[in-house]
Amino acid sequence: MPSLKTKCVACLREFATRRSLAKHAEKTAHIYQETDVQFFKKGESEPVNLPVPGRIAVSQQAAYKEFLSGMAELTNSYLKPDVKSKWVKIDLIMVPSAYFTSLLLGLKLNKPFAVREAQHPPPLKQDSSTALFYNVYDISVLKDLFASTVPLKTRTYFCRNEEVSVPVTGGELTAKEKVALARQRAGTRWGAASDASNQAKPTSRRQLKCEEGEWPRTREFQVIWWPDVFAQSRFGHLRLRFYVEHVELTN
């Protein structure tokens, strides 16, 4: 997938990603500002048009909220034991452009991390399209986006295939519950155990990772946007790509 290039405004050196540009600016002390970032196709002097973050129109707010709820439910559905893939891709084929610019605003995104041009991925059939890649590295930003809709799950626990409550550690138990839990573990028959000691013990955990980490082992929540796939309508193709950590818990 050929990358469009962004440039250092001081020396005009070209880079494929904003990470490379930022490292260059840090090394050379050249001034780097996000507002200056533009991307160019090979051999062209004019930059490609980039979406501008903006608020959704009042008339579209209810429908946009339903759209966000659907996004959260889809994302939550991949934090389950029967999902084997760790890097998840969710494709939303016909997304209004106004929804996407509002999404950028909600995620505090401005300029893309990278821009690439290639044959459009299935299910759409196009010889060539331009993809804009945006990276989110702060999980709190994601949670805030869905705060007024379906809550985003960032960590789930399961006893085999059944979701269970977050395990309570010994430090969070009352004195009475600690005694009851100790008796249960000792195999005694002294009275009924507390709710905390009776809850199913988790056998696995799924966690949505959203952090920069060390390149190339990054764990970004990636938003990919193809803006020009429908010639006669203001729709685009949106893809969510994120990493779900799988942890099997020992008894």
Protein backbone atom coordinates (compact mmCIF):
# COMPACT_ATOMS: atom_id res chain seq x y z
CA MET A 1 0.00 0.00 0.00
CA PRO A 2 1.90 3.13 -1.22
CA SER A 3 2.07 5.90 1.35
CA LEU A 4 1.44 9.53 0.66
CA LYS A 5 4.16 11.72 2.14
CA THR A 6 4.10 14.49 4.70
CA LYS A 7 6.90 17.04 4.78
CA CYS A 8 9.04 18.88 7.29
CA VAL A 9 8.21 22.56 6.72
CA ALA A 10 11.81 23.53 7.56
CA CYS A 11 13.80 21.26 5.23
CA LEU A 12 11.01 19.73 3.03
CA ARG A 13 12.22 16.20 3.76
CA GLU A 14 9.42 13.67 3.21
CA PHE A 15 8.05 11.13 5.69
CA ALA A 16 5.42 8.40 5.49
CA THR A 17 3.98 8.88 9.00
CA ARG A 18 3.62 11.57 11.61
CA ARG A 19 5.73 9.45 13.98
CA SER A 20 8.69 9.66 11.58
CA LEU A 21 8.15 13.39 11.12
CA ALA A 22 8.00 13.99 14.89
CA LYS A 23 11.20 12.02 15.48
CA HIS A 24 12.93 13.99 12.74
CA ALA A 25 11.78 17.27 14.28
CA GLU A 26 13.00 16.18 17.71
CA LYS A 27 16.39 15.15 16.35
CA THR A 28 16.96 18.24 14.22
CA ALA A 29 15.14 20.83 16.40
CA HIS A 30 13.01 21.73 13.39
CA ILE A 31 9.63 23.18 14.34
CA TYR A 32 6.81 20.63 14.14
CA GLN A 33 3.17 21.57 14.65
CA GLU A 34 0.21 19.33 14.00
CA THR A 35 -1.65 22.11 12.19
CA ASP A 36 1.14 22.20 9.58
CA VAL A 37 0.82 18.51 8.68
CA GLN A 38 -0.25 17.86 5.09
CA PHE A 39 0.01 14.80 2.84
CA PHE A 40 1.01 14.76 -0.83
CA LYS A 41 0.65 12.22 -3.61
CA LYS A 42 3.84 11.38 -5.46
CA GLY A 43 4.74 14.06 -7.99
CA GLU A 44 2.00 16.47 -6.89
CA SER A 45 2.53 19.84 -5.23
CA GLU A 46 -0.98 20.27 -3.83
CA PRO A 47 -1.88 18.35 -0.65
CA VAL A 48 -4.87 16.03 -0.49
CA ASN A 49 -8.01 17.29 1.22
CA LEU A 50 -8.35 16.14 4.82
CA PRO A 51 -11.55 16.04 6.91
CA VAL A 52 -11.99 18.81 9.45
CA PRO A 53 -13.32 17.81 12.89
CA GLY A 54 -16.71 19.36 13.57
CA ARG A 55 -19.84 19.12 15.68
CA ILE A 56 -22.80 17.15 14.40
CA ALA A 57 -25.85 19.16 13.36
CA VAL A 58 -28.66 19.32 15.91
CA SER A 59 -31.00 17.54 13.47
CA GLN A 60 -28.59 14.57 13.33
CA GLN A 61 -27.70 14.28 17.02
CA ALA A 62 -30.21 11.54 17.90
CA ALA A 63 -29.18 9.37 14.94
CA TYR A 64 -25.48 9.97 15.67
CA LYS A 65 -25.98 8.87 19.27
CA GLU A 66 -27.54 5.62 18.01
CA PHE A 67 -24.54 5.21 15.70
CA LEU A 68 -22.13 5.57 18.65
CA SER A 69 -24.16 3.05 20.66
CA GLY A 70 -23.81 0.56 17.83
CA MET A 71 -20.05 1.17 17.66
CA ALA A 72 -19.73 0.50 21.40
CA GLU A 73 -21.80 -2.69 21.22
CA LEU A 74 -19.77 -3.98 18.30
CA THR A 75 -16.49 -3.26 20.09
CA ASN A 76 -17.74 -4.87 23.32
CA SER A 77 -18.78 -8.00 21.42
CA TYR A 78 -15.13 -8.81 20.65
CA LEU A 79 -14.11 -8.99 24.31
CA LYS A 80 -15.21 -12.62 24.61
CA PRO A 81 -13.42 -15.97 24.98
CA ASP A 82 -14.73 -17.38 21.69
CA VAL A 83 -13.07 -14.56 19.72
CA LYS A 84 -9.62 -15.92 18.86
CA SER A 85 -8.23 -12.97 16.91
CA LYS A 86 -6.24 -10.41 18.93
CA TRP A 87 -6.16 -7.65 16.31
CA VAL A 88 -9.81 -6.94 15.52
CA LYS A 89 -11.21 -5.20 12.43
CA ILE A 90 -14.77 -3.85 12.27
CA ASP A 91 -15.96 -2.44 8.93
CA LEU A 92 -18.84 0.03 8.68
CA ILE A 93 -19.45 0.49 4.97
CA MET A 94 -21.84 3.45 4.60
CA VAL A 95 -21.07 6.06 7.25
CA PRO A 96 -22.18 9.69 6.73
CA SER A 97 -19.23 12.04 6.43
CA ALA A 98 -20.76 14.26 9.12
CA TYR A 99 -20.63 11.34 11.56
CA PHE A 100 -16.95 10.86 10.87
CA THR A 101 -15.98 14.52 11.38
CA SER A 102 -17.92 14.49 14.67
CA LEU A 103 -16.11 11.27 15.61
CA LEU A 104 -12.77 13.00 15.02
CA LEU A 105 -13.86 15.81 17.34
CA GLY A 106 -14.99 13.38 20.04
CA LEU A 107 -11.70 11.46 19.86
CA LYS A 108 -9.64 14.69 19.90
CA LEU A 109 -8.11 13.85 16.53
CA ASN A 110 -7.09 16.43 13.96
CA LYS A 111 -4.58 15.28 11.35
CA PRO A 112 -4.13 11.61 10.32
CA PHE A 113 -1.17 9.51 11.40
CA ALA A 114 -0.67 8.34 7.80
CA VAL A 115 -2.39 8.40 4.41
CA ARG A 116 -2.15 5.54 1.93
CA GLU A 117 -3.48 4.75 -1.53
CA ALA A 118 -4.26 1.26 -2.78
CA GLN A 119 -6.95 -1.02 -4.17
CA HIS A 120 -9.98 -0.73 -1.92
CA PRO A 121 -10.48 -3.64 0.50
CA PRO A 122 -13.55 -5.91 0.25
CA PRO A 123 -16.50 -5.84 0.15
CA LEU A 124 -16.38 -2.69 -2.00
CA LYS A 125 -15.01 -3.05 -5.51
CA GLN A 126 -12.72 -0.19 -6.47
CA ASP A 127 -9.38 -0.17 -8.25
CA SER A 128 -7.96 2.57 -6.06
CA SER A 129 -8.92 4.57 -2.99
CA THR A 130 -7.25 6.76 -0.38
CA ALA A 131 -7.26 5.65 3.27
CA LEU A 132 -6.71 8.02 6.19
CA PHE A 133 -5.25 6.42 9.34
CA TYR A 134 -5.89 7.98 12.77
CA ASN A 135 -4.41 6.53 15.97
CA VAL A 136 -5.80 6.85 19.50
CA TYR A 137 -3.45 5.99 22.39
CA ASP A 138 -5.51 7.17 25.39
CA ILE A 139 -8.20 4.77 26.66
CA SER A 140 -9.89 7.55 28.64
CA VAL A 141 -10.64 9.40 25.39
CA LEU A 142 -12.42 6.31 24.07
CA LYS A 143 -14.44 5.89 27.26
CA ASP A 144 -15.44 9.56 27.21
CA LEU A 145 -16.69 9.25 23.63
CA PHE A 146 -19.22 6.60 24.66
CA ALA A 147 -20.00 8.04 28.11
CA SER A 148 -23.54 9.10 27.13
CA THR A 149 -24.32 5.94 25.14
CA VAL A 150 -23.64 2.24 25.65
CA PRO A 151 -20.61 2.11 28.01
CA LEU A 152 -17.43 0.84 26.39
CA LYS A 153 -16.01 -2.25 28.06
CA THR A 154 -12.24 -2.14 28.43
CA ARG A 155 -11.78 -5.28 30.55
CA THR A 156 -14.00 -8.34 30.98
CA TYR A 157 -13.68 -11.53 33.03
CA PHE A 158 -15.11 -14.94 32.21
CA CYS A 159 -15.63 -18.22 33.96
CA ARG A 160 -15.21 -20.37 30.88
CA ASN A 161 -17.72 -18.77 28.47
CA GLU A 162 -19.86 -16.91 31.01
CA GLU A 163 -19.03 -13.32 31.92
CA VAL A 164 -18.51 -12.81 35.65
CA SER A 165 -17.93 -9.84 37.93
CA VAL A 166 -14.52 -8.29 38.35
CA PRO A 167 -12.71 -10.45 40.94
CA VAL A 168 -12.54 -9.00 44.41
CA THR A 169 -9.09 -9.01 45.93
CA GLY A 170 -8.45 -9.81 49.55
CA GLY A 171 -7.76 -6.16 50.28
CA GLU A 172 -11.31 -5.21 49.23
CA LEU A 173 -13.07 -7.73 51.50
CA THR A 174 -14.58 -6.92 54.87
CA ALA A 175 -13.25 -8.72 57.95
CA LYS A 176 -16.34 -10.95 58.00
CA GLU A 177 -15.91 -11.83 54.33
CA LYS A 178 -12.22 -12.62 54.83
CA VAL A 179 -13.10 -15.10 57.59
CA ALA A 180 -15.81 -16.70 55.45
CA LEU A 181 -13.47 -16.95 52.47
CA ALA A 182 -10.71 -18.50 54.61
CA ARG A 183 -13.16 -21.09 55.95
CA GLN A 184 -14.32 -21.95 52.45
CA ARG A 185 -10.76 -22.42 51.23
CA ALA A 186 -10.00 -24.60 54.25
CA GLY A 187 -12.94 -26.85 53.36
CA THR A 188 -14.83 -26.27 56.63
CA ARG A 189 -18.61 -26.33 56.97
CA TRP A 190 -19.01 -23.32 59.24
CA GLY A 191 -22.05 -21.44 58.05
CA ALA A 192 -22.76 -19.93 54.63
CA ALA A 193 -20.08 -18.16 52.70
CA SER A 194 -20.49 -14.53 51.70
CA ASP A 195 -21.47 -13.40 48.21
CA ALA A 196 -17.86 -12.38 47.58
CA SER A 197 -16.59 -15.89 48.35
CA ASN A 198 -19.37 -17.54 46.34
CA GLN A 199 -18.81 -15.69 43.09
CA ALA A 200 -17.46 -17.71 40.19
CA LYS A 201 -13.72 -17.55 39.89
CA PRO A 202 -12.60 -16.11 36.53
CA THR A 203 -10.77 -18.43 34.15
CA SER A 204 -9.88 -15.81 31.54
CA ARG A 205 -9.70 -12.08 30.94
CA ARG A 206 -10.08 -9.95 27.83
CA GLN A 207 -8.76 -6.40 27.79
CA LEU A 208 -9.00 -3.67 25.17
CA LYS A 209 -5.50 -2.21 24.87
CA CYS A 210 -5.02 1.40 23.91
CA GLU A 211 -1.48 2.64 24.46
CA GLU A 212 1.47 3.77 22.38
CA GLY A 213 4.07 1.33 23.68
CA GLU A 214 7.41 0.84 21.94
CA TRP A 215 7.45 0.82 18.14
CA PRO A 216 6.65 -1.50 16.41
CA ARG A 217 4.77 -3.23 19.27
CA THR A 218 2.15 -0.50 19.54
CA ARG A 219 -1.41 -1.05 20.75
CA GLU A 220 -3.31 1.82 19.21
CA PHE A 221 -7.05 2.05 18.68
CA GLN A 222 -7.04 2.84 14.98
CA VAL A 223 -9.74 4.65 13.03
CA ILE A 224 -9.37 4.24 9.24
CA TRP A 225 -11.48 6.32 6.87
CA TRP A 226 -11.98 6.03 3.11
CA PRO A 227 -13.74 9.28 2.19
CA ASP A 228 -14.24 9.02 -1.58
CA VAL A 229 -15.74 5.59 -2.20
CA PHE A 230 -19.25 6.80 -3.11
CA ALA A 231 -19.40 9.28 -5.98
CA GLN A 232 -23.03 10.40 -5.56
CA SER A 233 -23.45 10.50 -1.78
CA ARG A 234 -21.72 11.85 1.31
CA PHE A 235 -20.83 8.48 2.75
CA GLY A 236 -17.50 6.86 3.49
CA HIS A 237 -16.09 3.51 4.59
CA LEU A 238 -15.05 3.39 8.25
CA ARG A 239 -12.88 0.70 9.81
CA LEU A 240 -12.09 0.28 13.51
CA ARG A 241 -8.94 -1.68 14.29
CA PHE A 242 -7.88 -2.48 17.85
CA TYR A 243 -6.01 -5.00 19.98
CA VAL A 244 -7.66 -7.29 22.55
CA GLU A 245 -5.32 -8.88 25.07
CA HIS A 246 -6.10 -12.53 25.91
CA VAL A 247 -5.12 -13.75 29.39
CA GLU A 248 -5.87 -17.23 30.71
CA LEU A 249 -6.07 -17.18 34.49
CA THR A 250 -4.76 -20.15 36.47
CA ASN A 251 -6.74 -21.59 39.36
